[in-house]
C-alpha atoms as a PDB file:
ATOM      1  CA  MET A   1      90.132 117.851 109.403  1.00  0.00           C
ATOM      2  CA  GLN A   2      86.346 117.744 109.329  1.00  0.00           C
ATOM      3  CA  PHE A   3      84.477 114.569 108.511  1.00  0.00           C
ATOM      4  CA  HIS A   4      81.114 115.262 106.907  1.00  0.00           C
ATOM      5  CA  HIS A   5      80.109 111.638 106.310  1.00  0.00           C
ATOM      6  CA  ILE A   6      81.280 110.102 109.601  1.00  0.00           C
ATOM      7  CA  THR A   7      79.146 110.207 112.718  1.00  0.00           C
ATOM      8  CA  SER A   8      78.907 108.481 116.072  1.00  0.00           C
ATOM      9  CA  ASN A   9      75.759 107.829 118.078  1.00  0.00           C
ATOM     10  CA  PRO A  10      75.617 105.655 121.206  1.00  0.00           C
ATOM     11  CA  SER A  11      72.393 104.049 119.963  1.00  0.00           C
ATOM     12  CA  ILE A  12      73.971 102.936 116.653  1.00  0.00           C
ATOM     13  CA  LEU A  13      76.560 100.135 116.900  1.00  0.00           C
ATOM     14  CA  ASN A  14      77.353 101.199 120.477  1.00  0.00           C
ATOM     15  CA  GLY A  15      78.778 104.520 119.303  1.00  0.00           C
ATOM     16  CA  LYS A  16      81.248 103.178 116.745  1.00  0.00           C
ATOM     17  CA  PRO A  17      81.998 105.713 113.999  1.00  0.00           C
ATOM     18  CA  VAL A  18      79.758 104.972 111.007  1.00  0.00           C
ATOM     19  CA  ILE A  19      78.982 106.480 107.640  1.00  0.00           C
ATOM     20  CA  GLU A  20      76.111 108.857 108.315  1.00  0.00           C
ATOM     21  CA  GLY A  21      72.700 107.465 107.456  1.00  0.00           C
ATOM     22  CA  SER A  22      73.953 103.880 107.561  1.00  0.00           C
ATOM     23  CA  ARG A  23      75.058 101.197 109.973  1.00  0.00           C
ATOM     24  CA  ILE A  24      78.300 100.723 108.043  1.00  0.00           C
ATOM     25  CA  SER A  25      81.158 101.342 110.431  1.00  0.00           C
ATOM     26  CA  VAL A  26      84.603 102.661 109.657  1.00  0.00           C
ATOM     27  CA  GLU A  27      85.843  99.381 111.112  1.00  0.00           C
ATOM     28  CA  ILE A  28      83.930  97.232 108.595  1.00  0.00           C
ATOM     29  CA  ILE A  29      85.161  99.398 105.711  1.00  0.00           C
ATOM     30  CA  LEU A  30      88.737  98.676 106.818  1.00  0.00           C
ATOM     31  CA  GLU A  31      88.001  94.971 107.180  1.00  0.00           C
ATOM     32  CA  TRP A  32      86.546  94.844 103.667  1.00  0.00           C
ATOM     33  CA  LEU A  33      89.618  96.587 102.264  1.00  0.00           C
ATOM     34  CA  ALA A  34      91.934  94.296 104.216  1.00  0.00           C
ATOM     35  CA  THR A  35      90.269  91.238 102.695  1.00  0.00           C
ATOM     36  CA  GLY A  36      90.719  92.517  99.156  1.00  0.00           C
ATOM     37  CA  ALA A  37      87.638  94.598  98.423  1.00  0.00           C
ATOM     38  CA  THR A  38      88.141  97.712  96.331  1.00  0.00           C
ATOM     39  CA  ILE A  39      86.563 101.063  97.018  1.00  0.00           C
ATOM     40  CA  ASP A  40      84.522 100.689  93.808  1.00  0.00           C
ATOM     41  CA  ALA A  41      83.294  97.260  94.919  1.00  0.00           C
ATOM     42  CA  ILE A  42      82.196  98.671  98.278  1.00  0.00           C
ATOM     43  CA  TYR A  43      80.164 101.357  96.518  1.00  0.00           C
ATOM     44  CA  LYS A  44      78.621  98.798  94.136  1.00  0.00           C
ATOM     45  CA  GLN A  45      77.543  96.590  97.049  1.00  0.00           C
ATOM     46  CA  ASN A  46      76.265  99.583  99.050  1.00  0.00           C
ATOM     47  CA  GLU A  47      74.700 101.890  96.478  1.00  0.00           C
ATOM     48  CA  HIS A  48      73.085 104.026  99.191  1.00  0.00           C
ATOM     49  CA  LEU A  49      76.472 105.321 100.370  1.00  0.00           C
ATOM     50  CA  PRO A  50      77.273 108.877  99.326  1.00  0.00           C
ATOM     51  CA  LYS A  51      80.225 109.256  96.984  1.00  0.00           C
ATOM     52  CA  GLY A  52      83.312 110.124  98.945  1.00  0.00           C
ATOM     53  CA  SER A  53      82.077 108.496 102.159  1.00  0.00           C
ATOM     54  CA  VAL A  54      84.267 105.382 101.874  1.00  0.00           C
ATOM     55  CA  GLU A  55      87.359 107.481 101.193  1.00  0.00           C
ATOM     56  CA  GLU A  56      86.431 109.664 104.156  1.00  0.00           C
ATOM     57  CA  ALA A  57      86.110 106.573 106.367  1.00  0.00           C
ATOM     58  CA  ILE A  58      89.656 105.615 105.385  1.00  0.00           C
ATOM     59  CA  GLN A  59      90.894 109.141 106.136  1.00  0.00           C
ATOM     60  CA  TYR A  60      89.094 109.037 109.489  1.00  0.00           C
ATOM     61  CA  ALA A  61      90.820 105.755 110.379  1.00  0.00           C
ATOM     62  CA  ALA A  62      94.205 107.163 109.351  1.00  0.00           C
ATOM     63  CA  GLN A  63      93.676 110.270 111.471  1.00  0.00           C
ATOM     64  CA  PHE A  64      92.568 108.146 114.416  1.00  0.00           C
ATOM     65  CA  ALA A  65      95.588 105.868 114.042  1.00  0.00           C
ATOM     66  CA  LYS A  66      97.937 108.829 114.374  1.00  0.00           C
ATOM     67  CA  ASN A  67      96.779 109.153 117.980  1.00  0.00           C
ATOM     68  CA  GLU A  68      97.072 105.472 118.902  1.00  0.00           C
ATOM     69  CA  ILE A  69      99.362 104.140 121.581  1.00  0.00           C
ATOM     70  CA  LEU A  70     102.723 103.062 120.227  1.00  0.00           C
ATOM     71  CA  LEU A  71     103.504  99.395 120.709  1.00  0.00           C
ATOM     72  CA  GLU A  72     106.962  98.467 121.885  1.00  0.00           C
ATOM     73  CA  ASP A  73     108.841  95.848 119.919  1.00  0.00           C
ATOM     74  CA  GLU A  74     110.410  93.033 121.884  1.00  0.00           C
ATOM     75  CA  ILE A  75     114.113  92.774 121.255  1.00  0.00           C
ATOM     76  CA  SER A  76     115.431  89.279 121.753  1.00  0.00           C
ATOM     77  CA  SER A  77     119.005  88.840 122.861  1.00  0.00           C
END
């Protein structure tokens, strides 16, 4: 999958993936959603973001998560 709105540059937020043309990271988008923000609310608060960029940030995070290390559950006896 190609991500047209997501970029990474070592000089911007230490290379964290961000929405192109902004300093809004994929990480902060996820934090906003986790604390109850809606996609529409994110766009309203950040009118400079291109339409589709927030959804793409979510897709990017989902794709990245598929490659994460699996955590082992502790089984108590």
